[in-house]
Amino acid sequence: MDLDYFFAQAEELRRPEIRGRPVVVCVYSGRTEVSGAVASANYVARSYGVKAGMPISWAMKLLEGKDAVFLPVDKQYYSELSERVFGVIEQVGATLEVVSIDEAFLDLTSLTDGDFGRAEEIASSIKRSVLNETGLRCTVGVGPNKVVAKIACDRAKPDGLLVVRPEEVKAFLEGLPVEELPYVGKKVSERLRSMGIETIGQLAAVDPQVLISKFGEALGTYLHLAARGEYDEPVVPRTGRTQLSRIVTLKRDSRDPDEILAQLEGPMARLLEEARRQGYLCRGVGIIAITTDLKTLSRSRKLKEPVVDLEAFRRNVASLLNELLGELGEVRLRRAGVKLFELERAPGQKTLGDFVGSS
C-alpha cells in the first residue's frame, strides 16, 4: 500500500481550494527564499517535469505562470495522517509492516488461504476504508511476495489496484526494465545494462553465479531471485508505535461539544483498553477533527502524568474539543477522533524481544 503523492495530497486535503493546481511541498534550507529541494509534488506539477529531490528554483522555473502552490513540509501533520491510515489498515487484522510514512506491506495469507480473489476484495476494501476514514487516496498492489506486490503497486499509481497471481508473475515481470525492481538504483541498472541486461526477463535468465561474481553474494542472490519472482522476504510486524488513535463518523454534522464528546466515549474507552493491553503508558492526549469540507484539524497536549483512567482521558479530550470548536466559528464537524501519544512501556512490561532474548 502506497499513499499517492502523500505530502502534496495531504496539503490538498486540508486546502481543498488548491486542488487542480500544481502543488509542490518543499524542504527549504533557509539560505534564500528559494533554496532547498522538492519533497513531494502532485500529478499536475509532475506533468510539467517537477520531481522529488529537484531544487526548488528549478521547479519554480518549470511552473512559471502555471498558478502553482509551493508549501513547506509539515512533518507533524503528515505523521498524524500517516498514523491514522495505518490505524485503519490494522483493523483488517493482517500482519502490517510499515516501511515509511506513506508505505506499508501487509501479509494477507492468514485471511485468504492463498485465494487471490479474496485478496483483491480485501485490498479494495482497504482503499475504500482509507479514503472514507482519512480522505486520502492510495494505491495497492497484490502479489505472492513483497517484490511483486511493490512493482504492481508502482505500476497501478495513482489510486489504483493491481493483482498479480502466481501464474502471472513471469509474464508480468519479464518485459519490465530492470530499474523497476525494488532496490535497483541508477548505478546497479547501469552495470546491468553494460552487461546487455535491460529487462527483468533477461536478468532472470542470467546464471546466478555470474550475478554473485559481479555484485557480491547478497545483492547477486537478490537480483536473481527477485527477477524470477521468487524473493520471498517475510512481512515483519510493526513495532515501536508512536501513537494510538480512533476516529468515528458523527451521527450528524455537529459543532456541539457535548454531542461530539458523547460519541467519543466508546472510542476513548477502547483506545485506553488497547494501550493497557499493549503495555503502554501515554503522556499525550489529542483530538482529531474532520470538518464538513474535509479539512483535517487536530489539537494535542503533553501531560505531566500518564493517562491511567477514562475520566482523565475524557477531561482532557473535552478541554481540547472546546478549544478547537471555539476557534472554528460556525464550522461543523463531520468526523471526530481521539489519540494517545508519547507512548512508553509500563514498568515491568516485557516485550517479545525480552522473551526471545532470554530463551
Protein backbone atom coordinates (compact mmCIF):
# COMPACT_ATOMS: atom_id res chain seq x y z
CA MET A 1 0.00 0.00 0.00
CA ASP A 2 1.35 3.37 -1.01
CA LEU A 3 -0.28 6.74 -0.34
CA ASP A 4 -0.31 8.69 -3.61
CA TYR A 5 1.98 11.78 -3.66
CA PHE A 6 1.43 11.83 0.10
CA PHE A 7 2.71 15.22 1.29
CA ALA A 8 1.09 17.09 -1.59
CA GLN A 9 -2.13 15.10 -1.26
CA ALA A 10 -2.20 15.84 2.47
CA GLU A 11 -1.97 19.56 1.69
CA GLU A 12 -4.81 19.25 -0.84
CA LEU A 13 -6.88 17.57 1.84
CA ARG A 14 -6.69 20.48 4.25
CA ARG A 15 -6.69 23.11 1.49
CA PRO A 16 -9.36 21.96 -0.99
CA GLU A 17 -9.06 25.25 -2.87
CA ILE A 18 -5.63 24.24 -4.25
CA ARG A 19 -6.84 21.01 -5.87
CA GLY A 20 -6.36 21.00 -9.61
CA ARG A 21 -3.35 23.34 -9.36
CA PRO A 22 0.31 22.28 -9.37
CA VAL A 23 1.18 21.64 -5.70
CA VAL A 24 4.79 21.35 -4.58
CA VAL A 25 5.84 20.59 -0.99
CA CYS A 26 9.37 21.75 -0.25
CA VAL A 27 12.18 21.38 2.26
CA TYR A 28 13.50 24.94 2.48
CA SER A 29 17.15 25.29 3.52
CA GLY A 30 16.70 28.85 4.74
CA ARG A 31 19.70 30.28 2.90
CA THR A 32 17.44 32.09 0.42
CA GLU A 33 13.69 32.14 -0.21
CA VAL A 34 14.05 29.57 -2.99
CA SER A 35 16.92 27.40 -1.74
CA GLY A 36 16.13 23.81 -0.86
CA ALA A 37 14.61 20.75 -2.53
CA VAL A 38 11.22 19.39 -3.58
CA ALA A 39 9.88 16.79 -1.14
CA SER A 40 6.66 15.93 -2.97
CA ALA A 41 4.60 17.12 -5.93
CA ASN A 42 1.10 16.28 -7.10
CA TYR A 43 0.50 14.81 -10.56
CA VAL A 44 -0.38 18.20 -12.03
CA ALA A 45 3.06 19.50 -11.06
CA ARG A 46 4.70 16.28 -12.24
CA SER A 47 3.15 16.71 -15.68
CA TYR A 48 5.40 19.78 -16.06
CA GLY A 49 8.50 17.80 -15.07
CA VAL A 50 8.67 18.53 -11.33
CA LYS A 51 10.19 15.66 -9.33
CA ALA A 52 11.09 14.94 -5.72
CA GLY A 53 14.67 15.95 -4.95
CA MET A 54 14.71 18.68 -7.57
CA PRO A 55 15.95 22.12 -6.48
CA ILE A 56 13.05 24.41 -5.64
CA SER A 57 14.38 27.04 -8.04
CA TRP A 58 14.18 24.55 -10.93
CA ALA A 59 10.63 23.61 -10.01
CA MET A 60 9.66 27.28 -9.94
CA LYS A 61 11.05 27.78 -13.43
CA LEU A 62 9.15 24.75 -14.76
CA LEU A 63 5.92 26.04 -13.21
CA GLU A 64 6.33 29.69 -14.05
CA GLY A 65 2.92 31.13 -14.99
CA LYS A 66 1.12 27.88 -14.04
CA ASP A 67 -0.63 29.14 -10.85
CA ALA A 68 1.46 26.74 -8.78
CA VAL A 69 1.39 26.42 -4.99
CA PHE A 70 4.68 26.00 -3.07
CA LEU A 71 4.36 24.93 0.57
CA PRO A 72 6.81 23.97 3.35
CA VAL A 73 6.76 20.45 4.78
CA ASP A 74 4.61 19.95 7.90
CA LYS A 75 6.03 16.77 9.43
CA GLN A 76 3.70 16.68 12.43
CA TYR A 77 0.57 16.92 10.26
CA TYR A 78 1.82 14.25 7.84
CA SER A 79 2.80 11.94 10.71
CA GLU A 80 -0.64 12.24 12.29
CA LEU A 81 -2.34 11.47 8.96
CA SER A 82 0.01 8.55 8.37
CA GLU A 83 -0.71 7.13 11.82
CA ARG A 84 -4.43 7.32 11.13
CA VAL A 85 -4.00 5.49 7.82
CA PHE A 86 -2.03 2.65 9.41
CA GLY A 87 -4.58 2.52 12.24
CA VAL A 88 -7.32 1.96 9.63
CA ILE A 89 -5.28 -0.75 7.91
CA GLU A 90 -4.52 -2.54 11.17
CA GLN A 91 -8.26 -3.13 11.61
CA VAL A 92 -8.06 -5.60 8.69
CA GLY A 93 -6.31 -7.98 11.06
CA ALA A 94 -3.34 -8.73 8.80
CA THR A 95 0.36 -8.56 9.65
CA LEU A 96 1.44 -4.99 8.91
CA GLU A 97 4.98 -3.80 8.16
CA VAL A 98 5.33 -0.03 8.00
CA VAL A 99 8.14 0.82 5.57
CA SER A 100 7.89 4.61 5.67
CA ILE A 101 5.46 7.39 6.46
CA ASP A 102 3.46 6.61 3.29
CA GLU A 103 4.12 2.95 2.51
CA ALA A 104 3.42 -0.43 4.11
CA PHE A 105 3.35 -4.14 3.36
CA LEU A 106 0.57 -6.46 4.54
CA ASP A 107 0.63 -10.25 4.69
CA LEU A 108 -2.91 -11.41 3.85
CA THR A 109 -2.07 -15.12 3.89
CA SER A 110 -3.92 -15.91 7.11
CA LEU A 111 -7.03 -14.09 5.84
CA THR A 112 -7.13 -15.57 2.34
CA ASP A 113 -5.57 -19.05 2.50
CA GLY A 114 -3.93 -18.30 -0.85
CA ASP A 115 -7.13 -17.13 -2.57
CA PHE A 116 -6.11 -14.13 -4.71
CA GLY A 117 -9.74 -13.29 -5.42
CA ARG A 118 -10.28 -12.81 -1.70
CA ALA A 119 -7.02 -10.83 -1.50
CA GLU A 120 -8.34 -8.48 -4.18
CA GLU A 121 -11.56 -7.96 -2.20
CA ILE A 122 -9.56 -7.09 0.94
CA ALA A 123 -7.28 -4.75 -0.99
CA SER A 124 -10.29 -2.98 -2.46
CA SER A 125 -11.87 -2.63 0.99
CA ILE A 126 -8.60 -1.16 2.33
CA LYS A 127 -8.67 1.51 -0.38
CA ARG A 128 -12.29 2.38 0.45
CA SER A 129 -11.66 2.44 4.20
CA VAL A 130 -8.57 4.65 3.93
CA LEU A 131 -10.49 7.09 1.72
CA ASN A 132 -13.58 7.12 3.93
CA GLU A 133 -11.67 7.36 7.22
CA THR A 134 -8.95 9.83 6.21
CA GLY A 135 -9.89 11.41 2.88
CA LEU A 136 -6.66 10.10 1.31
CA ARG A 137 -6.30 8.01 -1.83
CA CYS A 138 -3.84 5.15 -2.01
CA THR A 139 -2.66 2.52 -4.44
CA VAL A 140 -2.44 -1.19 -3.63
CA GLY A 141 -0.52 -3.94 -5.38
CA VAL A 142 -1.14 -7.62 -4.59
CA GLY A 143 1.32 -10.39 -5.35
CA PRO A 144 2.74 -13.64 -3.97
CA ASN A 145 5.66 -11.77 -2.36
CA LYS A 146 6.79 -8.27 -1.43
CA VAL A 147 8.79 -7.60 -4.59
CA VAL A 148 5.94 -8.45 -6.96
CA ALA A 149 3.41 -6.58 -4.81
CA LYS A 150 5.57 -3.44 -4.76
CA ILE A 151 6.11 -3.43 -8.51
CA ALA A 152 2.37 -3.97 -9.03
CA CYS A 153 1.66 -1.04 -6.72
CA ASP A 154 4.10 1.23 -8.54
CA ARG A 155 2.57 0.37 -11.91
CA ALA A 156 -1.02 0.92 -10.68
CA LYS A 157 -0.49 4.51 -9.49
CA PRO A 158 -2.33 6.73 -8.90
CA ASP A 159 -5.36 5.48 -6.96
CA GLY A 160 -5.12 2.02 -8.49
CA LEU A 161 -5.31 -1.66 -7.59
CA LEU A 162 -3.36 -4.35 -9.44
CA VAL A 163 -3.36 -8.05 -8.58
CA VAL A 164 -0.63 -10.35 -9.94
CA ARG A 165 -1.42 -14.03 -9.33
CA PRO A 166 1.39 -16.60 -9.01
CA GLU A 167 0.82 -17.97 -12.50
CA GLU A 168 1.03 -14.42 -13.92
CA VAL A 169 4.32 -13.41 -12.31
CA LYS A 170 6.70 -14.43 -15.11
CA ALA A 171 4.69 -12.71 -17.84
CA PHE A 172 4.19 -9.64 -15.63
CA LEU A 173 7.89 -9.18 -14.88
CA GLU A 174 9.76 -10.27 -17.97
CA GLY A 175 9.24 -7.20 -20.17
CA LEU A 176 9.78 -4.58 -17.46
CA PRO A 177 13.01 -2.55 -17.34
CA VAL A 178 15.46 -3.63 -14.65
CA GLU A 179 15.04 -0.28 -12.88
CA GLU A 180 11.56 -1.35 -11.79
CA LEU A 181 12.97 -3.95 -9.42
CA PRO A 182 12.97 -2.54 -5.88
CA TYR A 183 16.45 -1.50 -4.65
CA VAL A 184 17.88 -1.40 -8.17
CA GLY A 185 19.17 2.15 -8.38
CA LYS A 186 20.95 4.05 -11.10
CA LYS A 187 24.40 2.52 -10.53
CA VAL A 188 23.18 -1.08 -10.45
CA SER A 189 20.99 -0.60 -13.52
CA GLU A 190 23.90 0.96 -15.43
CA ARG A 191 26.11 -2.02 -14.59
CA LEU A 192 23.37 -4.43 -15.67
CA ARG A 193 22.89 -2.58 -18.94
CA SER A 194 26.65 -2.68 -19.55
CA MET A 195 26.23 -6.49 -19.36
CA GLY A 196 23.48 -6.32 -22.00
CA ILE A 197 20.71 -6.82 -19.43
CA GLU A 198 17.89 -4.33 -19.92
CA THR A 199 14.73 -6.19 -18.84
CA ILE A 200 13.80 -8.20 -15.78
CA GLY A 201 13.22 -11.21 -18.02
CA GLN A 202 16.79 -11.01 -19.31
CA LEU A 203 18.05 -10.69 -15.73
CA ALA A 204 16.10 -13.80 -14.71
CA ALA A 205 17.89 -15.82 -17.38
CA VAL A 206 21.41 -14.94 -16.16
CA ASP A 207 23.37 -17.58 -14.25
CA PRO A 208 23.13 -16.59 -10.55
CA GLN A 209 26.87 -17.24 -10.10
CA VAL A 210 27.59 -14.56 -12.71
CA LEU A 211 25.47 -12.06 -10.76
CA ILE A 212 27.13 -13.03 -7.48
CA SER A 213 30.60 -12.56 -9.01
CA LYS A 214 29.62 -9.11 -10.29
CA PHE A 215 27.56 -7.80 -7.37
CA GLY A 216 28.50 -9.91 -4.35
CA GLU A 217 26.61 -12.67 -2.54
CA ALA A 218 23.73 -10.65 -1.07
CA LEU A 219 22.86 -8.37 -4.00
CA GLY A 220 23.60 -11.00 -6.63
CA THR A 221 21.29 -13.52 -4.96
CA TYR A 222 18.60 -10.88 -4.53
CA LEU A 223 18.77 -9.87 -8.21
CA HIS A 224 18.44 -13.49 -9.32
CA LEU A 225 15.50 -14.36 -7.06
CA ALA A 226 13.68 -11.03 -7.45
CA ALA A 227 13.86 -11.17 -11.25
CA ARG A 228 12.34 -14.66 -11.16
CA GLY A 229 9.60 -13.53 -8.76
CA GLU A 230 10.97 -15.83 -6.07
CA TYR A 231 12.40 -13.44 -3.48
CA ASP A 232 10.25 -14.37 -0.50
CA GLU A 233 11.22 -11.96 2.28
CA PRO A 234 8.68 -12.09 5.14
CA VAL A 235 6.47 -9.20 6.21
CA VAL A 236 7.86 -8.03 9.55
CA PRO A 237 5.20 -6.99 12.11
CA ARG A 238 5.01 -3.36 13.06
CA THR A 239 6.79 -2.29 16.24
CA GLY A 240 7.69 0.91 18.02
CA ARG A 241 4.35 2.68 17.70
CA THR A 242 4.31 6.41 18.31
CA GLN A 243 0.59 6.86 18.93
CA LEU A 244 -2.78 5.10 19.10
CA SER A 245 -5.91 6.63 17.60
CA ARG A 246 -9.58 6.02 16.88
CA ILE A 247 -11.92 8.07 14.71
CA VAL A 248 -15.68 7.92 14.05
CA THR A 249 -18.21 9.44 11.67
CA LEU A 250 -20.64 11.54 13.69
CA LYS A 251 -24.32 10.67 13.54
CA ARG A 252 -24.88 14.13 12.11
CA ASP A 253 -22.68 17.13 11.29
CA SER A 254 -22.20 18.97 14.55
CA ARG A 255 -20.35 21.66 16.48
CA ASP A 256 -21.95 20.80 19.82
CA PRO A 257 -19.10 19.70 22.16
CA ASP A 258 -21.38 17.62 24.41
CA GLU A 259 -22.91 15.82 21.43
CA ILE A 260 -19.50 15.10 19.92
CA LEU A 261 -17.95 14.06 23.24
CA ALA A 262 -20.78 11.59 23.86
CA GLN A 263 -19.97 9.85 20.56
CA LEU A 264 -16.29 9.69 21.51
CA GLU A 265 -16.98 7.80 24.77
CA GLY A 266 -16.73 4.39 23.09
CA PRO A 267 -13.56 5.18 21.12
CA MET A 268 -11.92 6.62 24.25
CA ALA A 269 -12.67 3.50 26.29
CA ARG A 270 -11.45 1.17 23.54
CA LEU A 271 -8.30 3.21 22.98
CA LEU A 272 -7.41 3.21 26.66
CA GLU A 273 -8.00 -0.54 26.82
CA GLU A 274 -5.80 -1.09 23.76
CA ALA A 275 -3.00 0.92 25.38
CA ARG A 276 -3.26 -1.17 28.55
CA ARG A 277 -3.35 -4.42 26.59
CA GLN A 278 -0.20 -3.46 24.69
CA GLY A 279 1.55 -2.37 27.90
CA TYR A 280 1.77 1.36 27.14
CA LEU A 281 1.63 4.38 29.38
CA CYS A 282 0.55 7.51 27.49
CA ARG A 283 1.68 11.02 28.37
CA GLY A 284 -0.03 12.77 25.46
CA VAL A 285 -3.71 13.24 24.58
CA GLY A 286 -5.11 14.63 21.34
CA ILE A 287 -8.23 15.06 19.25
CA ILE A 288 -8.72 14.78 15.50
CA ALA A 289 -11.48 16.66 13.67
CA ILE A 290 -12.61 16.46 10.05
CA THR A 291 -14.85 19.33 9.04
CA THR A 292 -17.75 19.14 6.59
CA ASP A 293 -15.42 20.43 3.84
CA LEU A 294 -12.96 17.59 4.69
CA LYS A 295 -10.27 19.72 6.31
CA THR A 296 -8.35 17.75 8.94
CA LEU A 297 -7.58 19.57 12.19
CA SER A 298 -6.02 18.41 15.44
CA ARG A 299 -5.18 19.63 18.92
CA SER A 300 -2.96 17.88 21.45
CA ARG A 301 -1.21 18.35 24.76
CA LYS A 302 1.54 16.63 26.71
CA LEU A 303 0.78 15.76 30.33
CA LYS A 304 2.92 15.67 33.46
CA GLU A 305 1.44 12.30 34.46
CA PRO A 306 0.38 9.37 32.23
CA VAL A 307 -3.30 8.92 31.41
CA VAL A 308 -4.42 5.99 33.55
CA ASP A 309 -8.21 6.23 33.66
CA LEU A 310 -11.13 7.12 31.42
CA GLU A 311 -12.13 10.18 33.44
CA ALA A 312 -8.72 11.84 32.96
CA PHE A 313 -8.82 10.96 29.26
CA ARG A 314 -12.34 12.40 28.92
CA ARG A 315 -11.45 15.59 30.79
CA ASN A 316 -8.51 16.36 28.51
CA VAL A 317 -10.43 15.49 25.35
CA ALA A 318 -13.31 17.76 26.41
CA SER A 319 -10.92 20.65 27.03
CA LEU A 320 -9.19 20.22 23.65
CA LEU A 321 -12.52 19.86 21.86
CA ASN A 322 -13.88 23.06 23.37
CA GLU A 323 -10.70 24.87 22.42
CA LEU A 324 -10.89 23.67 18.81
CA LEU A 325 -14.60 24.35 18.33
CA GLY A 326 -14.17 27.81 19.81
CA GLU A 327 -11.73 28.63 17.02
CA LEU A 328 -13.91 27.30 14.20
CA GLY A 329 -16.82 29.71 14.40
CA GLU A 330 -19.84 28.15 12.71
CA VAL A 331 -17.91 25.33 11.01
CA ARG A 332 -19.32 21.87 11.78
CA LEU A 333 -17.50 18.56 12.18
CA ARG A 334 -18.29 15.51 10.06
CA ARG A 335 -15.93 13.12 11.84
CA ALA A 336 -14.06 13.21 15.14
CA GLY A 337 -11.41 11.13 16.83
CA VAL A 338 -9.09 10.79 19.78
CA LYS A 339 -5.46 9.80 20.13
CA LEU A 340 -2.90 8.86 22.76
CA PHE A 341 0.76 9.62 22.10
CA GLU A 342 4.09 9.94 23.94
CA LEU A 343 3.87 6.17 24.44
CA GLU A 344 6.22 4.42 26.83
CA ARG A 345 6.35 0.90 28.16
CA ALA A 346 4.77 0.41 31.58
CA PRO A 347 7.30 -0.59 34.30
CA GLY A 348 7.86 -4.33 34.29
CA GLN A 349 6.22 -4.77 30.88
CA LYS A 350 8.12 -7.32 28.81
CA THR A 351 8.33 -7.19 25.03
CA LEU A 352 8.53 -10.18 22.71
CA GLY A 353 12.23 -9.44 22.29
CA ASP A 354 12.76 -9.86 26.02
CA PHE A 355 11.29 -13.38 25.87
CA VAL A 356 13.21 -14.34 22.75
CA GLY A 357 16.45 -12.99 24.18
CA SER A 358 16.09 -14.99 27.37
CA SER A 359 15.17 -18.29 25.74
